[in-house]
Amino acid sequence: MIDLERQDDVFILTMNDGENRWNTTFVRELDAALDEVIASDGPAALVSVSANEKFFSNGLDLEWISARGEHRGGDRKVFGDEFMKCAAKLITLPVPTVAAVNGHAFGAGFTFAMCHDVRFMREDRGFMCANEAELGMSIPIPEIALFHHKIPSPAFHETMVLAKRWSGPDASDAGFVEAAVPNELVREAAIDRAASLAHLGANRPVMTWHKEQLYGEDSAINLPHGAAHLLRNLDEYSERH
């Protein structure tokens, strides 16, 4: 389901399970790969890509959800909790992360792509979409918070409420994809970008600090006071540094 290799300072995580739909087994394999990246030291960055050029990740494994009895997808009861915790691990990974979205990314696949620091998409085919509204499902609150931080307005509204399908060029214009490039260049563009950022991964505590202040408990951008108050009262916040 998940392959992890290292090319100089860049870890390349390749999803190779067909449409790369999400179930508990898939989450656990991906989580283990992230742990391997975390256990490394020195300059590093991570690129996530699909072996399937049609689907980056096509969302929740609905066949697994509806199946009866044992299934290779694993325990259904723990999926929600384990998926969310794996997503949180990726959001705060102590190295830069780049998603090479070389096919459709829907639902949980969209969330996975948005957990990365940087995204590239193919320019010719493939959409990114939080399609829960089309399926009659509610987007979980933690994912809404993630999208709010990652997607500029009004694209955030279009994503959440209108289930907009974002092409590579449209997502790039909206500002939450760094670039839309020809399909044959998506993987290499992501690797090149990751390599340019890998030096930031050498200082894991600083990378972790910055990501936690954005996305962790009592995140700096969600504090009740504005920047002027914080600057006037630095002693109240110095222990956070």
C-alpha atoms as a PDB file:
ATOM      1  CA  MET A   1       0.000   0.000   0.000  1.00  0.00           C
ATOM      2  CA  ILE A   2       2.779   2.415   0.931  1.00  0.00           C
ATOM      3  CA  ASP A   3       6.365   2.521  -0.294  1.00  0.00           C
ATOM      4  CA  LEU A   4       8.968   4.804   1.265  1.00  0.00           C
ATOM      5  CA  GLU A   5      12.326   5.484  -0.322  1.00  0.00           C
ATOM      6  CA  ARG A   6      14.985   8.128   0.163  1.00  0.00           C
ATOM      7  CA  GLN A   7      16.594  10.165  -2.606  1.00  0.00           C
ATOM      8  CA  ASP A   8      19.407  12.196  -1.014  1.00  0.00           C
ATOM      9  CA  ASP A   9      17.619  14.415   1.540  1.00  0.00           C
ATOM     10  CA  VAL A  10      14.109  13.734   0.212  1.00  0.00           C
ATOM     11  CA  PHE A  11      11.876  10.918   1.423  1.00  0.00           C
ATOM     12  CA  ILE A  12       9.433   9.830  -1.290  1.00  0.00           C
ATOM     13  CA  LEU A  13       6.220   8.240  -0.027  1.00  0.00           C
ATOM     14  CA  THR A  14       4.397   6.452  -2.828  1.00  0.00           C
ATOM     15  CA  MET A  15       0.802   5.290  -2.369  1.00  0.00           C
ATOM     16  CA  ASN A  16       0.362   2.172  -4.491  1.00  0.00           C
ATOM     17  CA  ASP A  17      -3.037   0.734  -3.596  1.00  0.00           C
ATOM     18  CA  GLY A  18      -5.054   1.383  -6.729  1.00  0.00           C
ATOM     19  CA  GLU A  19      -7.282   4.389  -6.064  1.00  0.00           C
ATOM     20  CA  ASN A  20      -5.567   4.771  -2.658  1.00  0.00           C
ATOM     21  CA  ARG A  21      -8.815   4.755  -0.736  1.00  0.00           C
ATOM     22  CA  TRP A  22      -8.638   5.208   3.018  1.00  0.00           C
ATOM     23  CA  ASN A  23      -9.224   2.394   5.483  1.00  0.00           C
ATOM     24  CA  THR A  24      -7.567   1.477   8.784  1.00  0.00           C
ATOM     25  CA  THR A  25      -4.884  -0.705   7.207  1.00  0.00           C
ATOM     26  CA  PHE A  26      -3.937   2.082   4.797  1.00  0.00           C
ATOM     27  CA  VAL A  27      -3.764   4.615   7.642  1.00  0.00           C
ATOM     28  CA  ARG A  28      -1.516   2.364   9.723  1.00  0.00           C
ATOM     29  CA  GLU A  29       0.909   1.745   6.883  1.00  0.00           C
ATOM     30  CA  LEU A  30       1.126   5.442   6.121  1.00  0.00           C
ATOM     31  CA  ASP A  31       1.529   6.273   9.802  1.00  0.00           C
ATOM     32  CA  ALA A  32       4.426   3.827  10.067  1.00  0.00           C
ATOM     33  CA  ALA A  33       6.110   5.504   7.084  1.00  0.00           C
ATOM     34  CA  LEU A  34       5.758   8.901   8.774  1.00  0.00           C
ATOM     35  CA  ASP A  35       7.357   7.469  11.906  1.00  0.00           C
ATOM     36  CA  GLU A  36      10.325   6.389   9.806  1.00  0.00           C
ATOM     37  CA  VAL A  37      10.725   9.944   8.526  1.00  0.00           C
ATOM     38  CA  ILE A  38      10.457  11.326  12.067  1.00  0.00           C
ATOM     39  CA  ALA A  39      13.120   8.886  13.282  1.00  0.00           C
ATOM     40  CA  SER A  40      15.644  10.239  10.771  1.00  0.00           C
ATOM     41  CA  ASP A  41      17.976  13.127  11.482  1.00  0.00           C
ATOM     42  CA  GLY A  42      19.719  15.834   9.509  1.00  0.00           C
ATOM     43  CA  PRO A  43      18.314  17.724   6.511  1.00  0.00           C
ATOM     44  CA  ALA A  44      15.160  16.072   5.179  1.00  0.00           C
ATOM     45  CA  ALA A  45      11.851  16.677   3.468  1.00  0.00           C
ATOM     46  CA  LEU A  46       8.940  14.459   2.416  1.00  0.00           C
ATOM     47  CA  VAL A  47       7.148  14.111  -0.929  1.00  0.00           C
ATOM     48  CA  SER A  48       3.874  12.178  -1.192  1.00  0.00           C
ATOM     49  CA  VAL A  49       2.784  10.890  -4.589  1.00  0.00           C
ATOM     50  CA  SER A  50       0.571   8.201  -6.103  1.00  0.00           C
ATOM     51  CA  ALA A  51       1.682   5.309  -8.266  1.00  0.00           C
ATOM     52  CA  ASN A  52      -1.663   5.722 -10.066  1.00  0.00           C
ATOM     53  CA  GLU A  53      -1.672   8.701 -12.426  1.00  0.00           C
ATOM     54  CA  LYS A  54      -5.472   8.848 -12.444  1.00  0.00           C
ATOM     55  CA  PHE A  55      -6.000   8.899  -8.668  1.00  0.00           C
ATOM     56  CA  PHE A  56      -3.852  10.582  -6.056  1.00  0.00           C
ATOM     57  CA  SER A  57      -6.396   9.380  -3.488  1.00  0.00           C
ATOM     58  CA  ASN A  58     -10.076   8.792  -4.146  1.00  0.00           C
ATOM     59  CA  GLY A  59     -11.309   9.214  -0.587  1.00  0.00           C
ATOM     60  CA  LEU A  60     -12.821   6.828   1.933  1.00  0.00           C
ATOM     61  CA  ASP A  61     -12.900   3.105   1.113  1.00  0.00           C
ATOM     62  CA  LEU A  62     -16.681   2.805   0.780  1.00  0.00           C
ATOM     63  CA  GLU A  63     -16.558  -0.871  -0.213  1.00  0.00           C
ATOM     64  CA  TRP A  64     -14.718  -1.610   3.051  1.00  0.00           C
ATOM     65  CA  ILE A  65     -17.197   0.461   5.059  1.00  0.00           C
ATOM     66  CA  SER A  66     -20.194  -1.422   3.653  1.00  0.00           C
ATOM     67  CA  ALA A  67     -18.629  -4.905   3.658  1.00  0.00           C
ATOM     68  CA  ARG A  68     -19.617  -7.453   6.278  1.00  0.00           C
ATOM     69  CA  GLY A  69     -17.179  -9.511   8.273  1.00  0.00           C
ATOM     70  CA  GLU A  70     -13.413  -9.416   7.984  1.00  0.00           C
ATOM     71  CA  HIS A  71     -11.811  -7.225   5.350  1.00  0.00           C
ATOM     72  CA  ARG A  72      -8.249  -6.343   4.475  1.00  0.00           C
ATOM     73  CA  GLY A  73      -9.120  -2.727   5.361  1.00  0.00           C
ATOM     74  CA  GLY A  74      -9.041  -3.632   9.058  1.00  0.00           C
ATOM     75  CA  ASP A  75     -11.002  -2.464  12.092  1.00  0.00           C
ATOM     76  CA  ARG A  76     -13.735  -0.019  11.077  1.00  0.00           C
ATOM     77  CA  LYS A  77     -14.411   1.216  14.615  1.00  0.00           C
ATOM     78  CA  VAL A  78     -11.010   2.830  15.096  1.00  0.00           C
ATOM     79  CA  PHE A  79     -10.665   4.374  11.655  1.00  0.00           C
ATOM     80  CA  GLY A  80     -11.930   7.882  12.421  1.00  0.00           C
ATOM     81  CA  ASP A  81      -9.655   8.385  15.403  1.00  0.00           C
ATOM     82  CA  GLU A  82      -6.591   6.858  13.752  1.00  0.00           C
ATOM     83  CA  PHE A  83      -7.061   8.778  10.502  1.00  0.00           C
ATOM     84  CA  MET A  84      -7.364  12.096  12.332  1.00  0.00           C
ATOM     85  CA  LYS A  85      -4.288  11.432  14.467  1.00  0.00           C
ATOM     86  CA  CYS A  86      -2.281  10.402  11.409  1.00  0.00           C
ATOM     87  CA  ALA A  87      -3.360  13.617   9.672  1.00  0.00           C
ATOM     88  CA  ALA A  88      -2.264  15.633  12.706  1.00  0.00           C
ATOM     89  CA  LYS A  89       1.117  13.888  12.618  1.00  0.00           C
ATOM     90  CA  LEU A  90       1.556  14.853   8.975  1.00  0.00           C
ATOM     91  CA  ILE A  91       0.456  18.470   9.539  1.00  0.00           C
ATOM     92  CA  THR A  92       3.077  18.872  12.266  1.00  0.00           C
ATOM     93  CA  LEU A  93       5.775  16.641  10.769  1.00  0.00           C
ATOM     94  CA  PRO A  94       9.170  18.099  11.786  1.00  0.00           C
ATOM     95  CA  VAL A  95      10.350  18.328   8.172  1.00  0.00           C
ATOM     96  CA  PRO A  96       8.903  20.168   5.143  1.00  0.00           C
ATOM     97  CA  THR A  97       6.270  18.212   3.231  1.00  0.00           C
ATOM     98  CA  VAL A  98       5.200  18.433  -0.420  1.00  0.00           C
ATOM     99  CA  ALA A  99       2.214  16.720  -2.067  1.00  0.00           C
ATOM    100  CA  ALA A 100       2.603  15.758  -5.724  1.00  0.00           C
ATOM    101  CA  VAL A 101      -1.095  15.548  -6.606  1.00  0.00           C
ATOM    102  CA  ASN A 102      -0.821  13.619  -9.863  1.00  0.00           C
ATOM    103  CA  GLY A 103      -4.467  12.524 -10.038  1.00  0.00           C
ATOM    104  CA  HIS A 104      -7.861  13.060  -8.418  1.00  0.00           C
ATOM    105  CA  ALA A 105      -7.848  13.899  -4.696  1.00  0.00           C
ATOM    106  CA  PHE A 106     -11.346  13.624  -3.217  1.00  0.00           C
ATOM    107  CA  GLY A 107     -12.668  13.593   0.339  1.00  0.00           C
ATOM    108  CA  ALA A 108     -10.081  12.087   2.666  1.00  0.00           C
ATOM    109  CA  GLY A 109      -7.608  12.274  -0.221  1.00  0.00           C
ATOM    110  CA  PHE A 110      -8.190  16.024  -0.407  1.00  0.00           C
ATOM    111  CA  THR A 111      -7.605  16.272   3.342  1.00  0.00           C
ATOM    112  CA  PHE A 112      -4.389  14.283   3.014  1.00  0.00           C
ATOM    113  CA  ALA A 113      -3.113  16.634   0.321  1.00  0.00           C
ATOM    114  CA  MET A 114      -4.007  19.679   2.420  1.00  0.00           C
ATOM    115  CA  CYS A 115      -2.024  18.316   5.369  1.00  0.00           C
ATOM    116  CA  HIS A 116       1.188  18.996   3.417  1.00  0.00           C
ATOM    117  CA  ASP A 117       3.081  22.278   3.514  1.00  0.00           C
ATOM    118  CA  VAL A 118       3.208  22.626  -0.291  1.00  0.00           C
ATOM    119  CA  ARG A 119       1.161  21.158  -3.130  1.00  0.00           C
ATOM    120  CA  PHE A 120       1.781  20.644  -6.854  1.00  0.00           C
ATOM    121  CA  MET A 121      -0.897  19.432  -9.281  1.00  0.00           C
ATOM    122  CA  ARG A 122      -0.928  18.211 -12.838  1.00  0.00           C
ATOM    123  CA  GLU A 123      -2.289  20.865 -15.171  1.00  0.00           C
ATOM    124  CA  ASP A 124      -4.129  18.697 -17.670  1.00  0.00           C
ATOM    125  CA  ARG A 125      -6.343  16.313 -15.686  1.00  0.00           C
ATOM    126  CA  GLY A 126      -7.427  15.588 -12.130  1.00  0.00           C
ATOM    127  CA  PHE A 127      -9.379  17.520  -9.527  1.00  0.00           C
ATOM    128  CA  MET A 128      -9.073  18.258  -5.844  1.00  0.00           C
ATOM    129  CA  CYS A 129     -12.402  18.338  -4.040  1.00  0.00           C
ATOM    130  CA  ALA A 130     -13.900  18.095  -0.569  1.00  0.00           C
ATOM    131  CA  ASN A 131     -16.908  16.259  -1.959  1.00  0.00           C
ATOM    132  CA  GLU A 132     -18.683  15.431   1.305  1.00  0.00           C
ATOM    133  CA  ALA A 133     -21.597  17.772   0.522  1.00  0.00           C
ATOM    134  CA  GLU A 134     -22.261  15.904  -2.715  1.00  0.00           C
ATOM    135  CA  LEU A 135     -22.372  12.641  -0.760  1.00  0.00           C
ATOM    136  CA  GLY A 136     -24.704  14.015   1.924  1.00  0.00           C
ATOM    137  CA  MET A 137     -21.925  13.937   4.526  1.00  0.00           C
ATOM    138  CA  SER A 138     -20.676  16.639   6.901  1.00  0.00           C
ATOM    139  CA  ILE A 139     -17.027  17.665   6.855  1.00  0.00           C
ATOM    140  CA  PRO A 140     -15.585  17.015  10.347  1.00  0.00           C
ATOM    141  CA  ILE A 141     -14.765  20.128  12.369  1.00  0.00           C
ATOM    142  CA  PRO A 142     -11.008  19.379  12.561  1.00  0.00           C
ATOM    143  CA  GLU A 143     -10.854  19.255   8.771  1.00  0.00           C
ATOM    144  CA  ILE A 144     -12.783  22.530   8.500  1.00  0.00           C
ATOM    145  CA  ALA A 145     -10.143  24.121  10.736  1.00  0.00           C
ATOM    146  CA  LEU A 146      -7.388  22.706   8.523  1.00  0.00           C
ATOM    147  CA  PHE A 147      -9.011  23.974   5.317  1.00  0.00           C
ATOM    148  CA  HIS A 148      -9.550  27.407   6.868  1.00  0.00           C
ATOM    149  CA  HIS A 149      -5.819  27.725   7.559  1.00  0.00           C
ATOM    150  CA  LYS A 150      -4.715  26.367   4.187  1.00  0.00           C
ATOM    151  CA  ILE A 151      -7.231  27.786   1.692  1.00  0.00           C
ATOM    152  CA  PRO A 152      -7.645  31.526   1.081  1.00  0.00           C
ATOM    153  CA  SER A 153     -11.109  33.074   0.991  1.00  0.00           C
ATOM    154  CA  PRO A 154     -13.357  32.923  -1.014  1.00  0.00           C
ATOM    155  CA  ALA A 155     -11.906  29.620  -2.232  1.00  0.00           C
ATOM    156  CA  PHE A 156     -12.463  28.270   1.282  1.00  0.00           C
ATOM    157  CA  HIS A 157     -16.205  28.937   0.979  1.00  0.00           C
ATOM    158  CA  GLU A 158     -16.358  27.383  -2.480  1.00  0.00           C
ATOM    159  CA  THR A 159     -14.530  24.307  -1.180  1.00  0.00           C
ATOM    160  CA  MET A 160     -16.624  23.853   1.949  1.00  0.00           C
ATOM    161  CA  VAL A 161     -20.112  24.863   0.899  1.00  0.00           C
ATOM    162  CA  LEU A 162     -20.169  24.374  -2.867  1.00  0.00           C
ATOM    163  CA  ALA A 163     -17.939  21.278  -3.111  1.00  0.00           C
ATOM    164  CA  LYS A 164     -16.005  22.955  -5.916  1.00  0.00           C
ATOM    165  CA  ARG A 165     -13.819  20.670  -8.007  1.00  0.00           C
ATOM    166  CA  TRP A 166     -10.488  22.411  -8.323  1.00  0.00           C
ATOM    167  CA  SER A 167      -8.383  21.832 -11.413  1.00  0.00           C
ATOM    168  CA  GLY A 168      -4.644  22.340 -11.121  1.00  0.00           C
ATOM    169  CA  PRO A 169      -4.647  25.790 -12.766  1.00  0.00           C
ATOM    170  CA  ASP A 170      -7.672  26.935 -10.722  1.00  0.00           C
ATOM    171  CA  ALA A 171      -6.156  25.726  -7.439  1.00  0.00           C
ATOM    172  CA  SER A 172      -2.898  27.435  -8.304  1.00  0.00           C
ATOM    173  CA  ASP A 173      -4.719  30.681  -9.088  1.00  0.00           C
ATOM    174  CA  ALA A 174      -6.636  30.382  -5.796  1.00  0.00           C
ATOM    175  CA  GLY A 175      -3.335  30.107  -3.932  1.00  0.00           C
ATOM    176  CA  PHE A 176      -3.435  26.723  -2.189  1.00  0.00           C
ATOM    177  CA  VAL A 177      -1.438  24.880  -4.868  1.00  0.00           C
ATOM    178  CA  GLU A 178       2.026  26.227  -5.602  1.00  0.00           C
ATOM    179  CA  ALA A 179       1.995  25.310  -9.280  1.00  0.00           C
ATOM    180  CA  ALA A 180       0.161  23.267 -11.899  1.00  0.00           C
ATOM    181  CA  VAL A 181       2.620  21.522 -14.218  1.00  0.00           C
ATOM    182  CA  PRO A 182       2.507  18.896 -16.981  1.00  0.00           C
ATOM    183  CA  ASN A 183       1.761  15.423 -15.660  1.00  0.00           C
ATOM    184  CA  GLU A 184       5.219  14.062 -16.406  1.00  0.00           C
ATOM    185  CA  LEU A 185       6.760  16.835 -14.300  1.00  0.00           C
ATOM    186  CA  VAL A 186       4.570  16.708 -11.171  1.00  0.00           C
ATOM    187  CA  ARG A 187       6.691  14.201  -9.253  1.00  0.00           C
ATOM    188  CA  GLU A 188      10.011  15.791 -10.156  1.00  0.00           C
ATOM    189  CA  ALA A 189       8.728  19.317  -9.472  1.00  0.00           C
ATOM    190  CA  ALA A 190       7.662  18.201  -5.994  1.00  0.00           C
ATOM    191  CA  ILE A 191      11.002  16.473  -5.371  1.00  0.00           C
ATOM    192  CA  ASP A 192      12.947  19.535  -6.513  1.00  0.00           C
ATOM    193  CA  ARG A 193      10.877  21.769  -4.238  1.00  0.00           C
ATOM    194  CA  ALA A 194      11.316  19.389  -1.319  1.00  0.00           C
ATOM    195  CA  ALA A 195      15.076  19.282  -1.895  1.00  0.00           C
ATOM    196  CA  SER A 196      15.174  23.083  -1.785  1.00  0.00           C
ATOM    197  CA  LEU A 197      13.414  22.997   1.604  1.00  0.00           C
ATOM    198  CA  ALA A 198      15.223  20.023   3.146  1.00  0.00           C
ATOM    199  CA  HIS A 199      17.755  22.202   4.994  1.00  0.00           C
ATOM    200  CA  LEU A 200      14.872  23.504   7.118  1.00  0.00           C
ATOM    201  CA  GLY A 201      14.300  19.944   8.310  1.00  0.00           C
ATOM    202  CA  ALA A 202      17.750  19.793   9.898  1.00  0.00           C
ATOM    203  CA  ASN A 203      16.441  21.756  12.895  1.00  0.00           C
ATOM    204  CA  ARG A 204      13.521  19.584  13.937  1.00  0.00           C
ATOM    205  CA  PRO A 205      12.652  21.521  17.135  1.00  0.00           C
ATOM    206  CA  VAL A 206      12.269  24.803  15.220  1.00  0.00           C
ATOM    207  CA  MET A 207      10.185  23.192  12.468  1.00  0.00           C
ATOM    208  CA  THR A 208       7.985  21.538  15.095  1.00  0.00           C
ATOM    209  CA  TRP A 209       7.652  24.804  17.036  1.00  0.00           C
ATOM    210  CA  HIS A 210       6.445  26.759  14.024  1.00  0.00           C
ATOM    211  CA  LYS A 211       3.950  24.120  12.936  1.00  0.00           C
ATOM    212  CA  GLU A 212       2.580  23.702  16.451  1.00  0.00           C
ATOM    213  CA  GLN A 213       2.071  27.485  16.737  1.00  0.00           C
ATOM    214  CA  LEU A 214       0.049  27.357  13.530  1.00  0.00           C
ATOM    215  CA  TYR A 215      -1.877  24.134  14.048  1.00  0.00           C
ATOM    216  CA  GLY A 216      -1.418  22.957  17.649  1.00  0.00           C
ATOM    217  CA  GLU A 217      -2.985  23.726  21.020  1.00  0.00           C
ATOM    218  CA  ASP A 218      -3.675  27.448  21.605  1.00  0.00           C
ATOM    219  CA  SER A 219      -2.244  28.220  18.184  1.00  0.00           C
ATOM    220  CA  ALA A 220      -0.814  31.721  17.808  1.00  0.00           C
ATOM    221  CA  ILE A 221      -3.128  32.671  14.935  1.00  0.00           C
ATOM    222  CA  ASN A 222      -6.191  31.725  16.988  1.00  0.00           C
ATOM    223  CA  LEU A 223      -5.345  33.632  20.186  1.00  0.00           C
ATOM    224  CA  PRO A 224      -8.052  36.081  21.324  1.00  0.00           C
ATOM    225  CA  HIS A 225      -5.703  39.078  21.283  1.00  0.00           C
ATOM    226  CA  GLY A 226      -4.152  40.875  18.347  1.00  0.00           C
ATOM    227  CA  ALA A 227      -0.492  41.330  17.507  1.00  0.00           C
ATOM    228  CA  ALA A 228      -0.233  44.744  19.205  1.00  0.00           C
ATOM    229  CA  HIS A 229      -1.401  43.338  22.547  1.00  0.00           C
ATOM    230  CA  LEU A 230       1.016  40.433  22.270  1.00  0.00           C
ATOM    231  CA  LEU A 231       3.883  42.813  21.513  1.00  0.00           C
ATOM    232  CA  ARG A 232       3.019  45.021  24.487  1.00  0.00           C
ATOM    233  CA  ASN A 233       2.783  42.026  26.809  1.00  0.00           C
ATOM    234  CA  LEU A 234       5.514  39.720  25.618  1.00  0.00           C
ATOM    235  CA  ASP A 235       6.094  38.376  29.136  1.00  0.00           C
ATOM    236  CA  GLU A 236       2.681  36.706  29.002  1.00  0.00           C
ATOM    237  CA  TYR A 237       3.759  34.642  26.001  1.00  0.00           C
ATOM    238  CA  SER A 238       7.518  34.224  26.434  1.00  0.00           C
ATOM    239  CA  GLU A 239       7.225  30.738  27.883  1.00  0.00           C
ATOM    240  CA  ARG A 240       5.563  29.609  24.666  1.00  0.00           C
ATOM    241  CA  HIS A 241       8.816  30.306  22.816  1.00  0.00           C
END
